[in-house]
Amino acid sequence: SRAASHGADRAMTLSVVMALLATALAGSAAVWLATRSQRQLLRQHSLHPPAPQVHAARQRLDDGSARLDEVERIE
């Protein structure tokens, strides 16, 4: 009876460990799949820098911010 109980305990422990491993593996796969498109975009941007329009828009925003700072300083 005691040996049977010990065997049942080992089977339960093994089941819990396997369930935890399966959950960890499924979680890792979900994160990998969820971030796949982001990784592709990052890879694409490293191969092809942003278009000149992006740089021009950034420059306009910087200019506008500098003007706003100047107006606030005057007030």
Protein backbone atom coordinates (compact mmCIF):
# COMPACT_ATOMS: atom_id res chain seq x y z
CA SER A 1 0.00 0.00 0.00
CA ARG A 2 2.83 2.33 0.92
CA ALA A 3 4.68 1.49 -2.32
CA ALA A 4 1.53 2.18 -4.31
CA SER A 5 1.13 5.53 -2.57
CA HIS A 6 4.76 6.42 -3.30
CA GLY A 7 4.26 5.50 -6.96
CA ALA A 8 1.14 7.65 -7.13
CA ASP A 9 3.04 10.57 -5.59
CA ARG A 10 5.81 10.23 -8.16
CA ALA A 11 3.27 10.07 -10.99
CA MET A 12 1.56 13.20 -9.66
CA THR A 13 4.89 15.04 -9.36
CA LEU A 14 5.84 14.03 -12.87
CA SER A 15 2.46 15.19 -14.17
CA VAL A 16 2.84 18.57 -12.48
CA VAL A 17 6.38 19.02 -13.80
CA MET A 18 5.30 18.08 -17.32
CA ALA A 19 2.33 20.50 -17.13
CA LEU A 20 4.64 23.31 -15.99
CA LEU A 21 7.09 22.58 -18.80
CA ALA A 22 4.28 22.50 -21.37
CA THR A 23 2.93 25.81 -20.04
CA ALA A 24 6.37 27.44 -20.19
CA LEU A 25 6.92 26.16 -23.71
CA ALA A 26 3.49 27.35 -24.87
CA GLY A 27 4.09 30.76 -23.28
CA SER A 28 7.46 31.10 -24.98
CA ALA A 29 5.94 30.15 -28.33
CA ALA A 30 3.14 32.69 -27.85
CA VAL A 31 5.60 35.49 -27.09
CA TRP A 32 7.76 34.51 -30.06
CA LEU A 33 4.75 34.52 -32.40
CA ALA A 34 3.39 37.78 -30.99
CA THR A 35 6.70 39.61 -31.51
CA ARG A 36 7.48 38.08 -34.90
CA SER A 37 6.16 40.99 -36.98
CA GLN A 38 7.97 43.48 -34.74
CA ARG A 39 11.25 41.62 -35.25
CA GLN A 40 10.66 41.64 -39.01
CA LEU A 41 10.06 45.40 -38.97
CA LEU A 42 13.20 46.01 -36.95
CA ARG A 43 15.22 43.84 -39.33
CA GLN A 44 13.71 45.66 -42.31
CA HIS A 45 14.55 49.09 -40.87
CA SER A 46 18.12 48.04 -40.18
CA LEU A 47 18.45 47.03 -43.83
CA HIS A 48 16.58 50.07 -45.22
CA PRO A 49 16.88 53.32 -43.27
CA PRO A 50 13.70 55.40 -42.93
CA ALA A 51 12.67 57.43 -45.94
CA PRO A 52 13.81 61.06 -46.32
CA GLN A 53 10.20 62.15 -45.66
CA VAL A 54 10.53 60.85 -42.12
CA HIS A 55 13.68 62.93 -41.58
CA ALA A 56 11.97 66.02 -43.05
CA ALA A 57 8.94 65.55 -40.78
CA ARG A 58 11.20 65.09 -37.77
CA GLN A 59 13.04 68.31 -38.68
CA ARG A 60 9.73 70.23 -38.95
CA LEU A 61 8.67 68.94 -35.53
CA ASP A 62 12.02 69.97 -34.05
CA ASP A 63 11.70 73.44 -35.62
CA GLY A 64 8.15 73.83 -34.30
CA SER A 65 9.24 72.75 -30.85
CA ALA A 66 12.09 75.28 -30.88
CA ARG A 67 9.67 78.05 -31.92
CA LEU A 68 7.26 77.09 -29.16
CA ASP A 69 10.10 77.17 -26.63
CA GLU A 70 11.03 80.65 -27.89
CA VAL A 71 7.41 81.91 -27.60
CA GLU A 72 7.16 80.52 -24.06
CA ARG A 73 10.44 82.19 -23.15
CA ILE A 74 9.18 85.57 -24.51
CA GLU A 75 5.90 85.32 -22.57
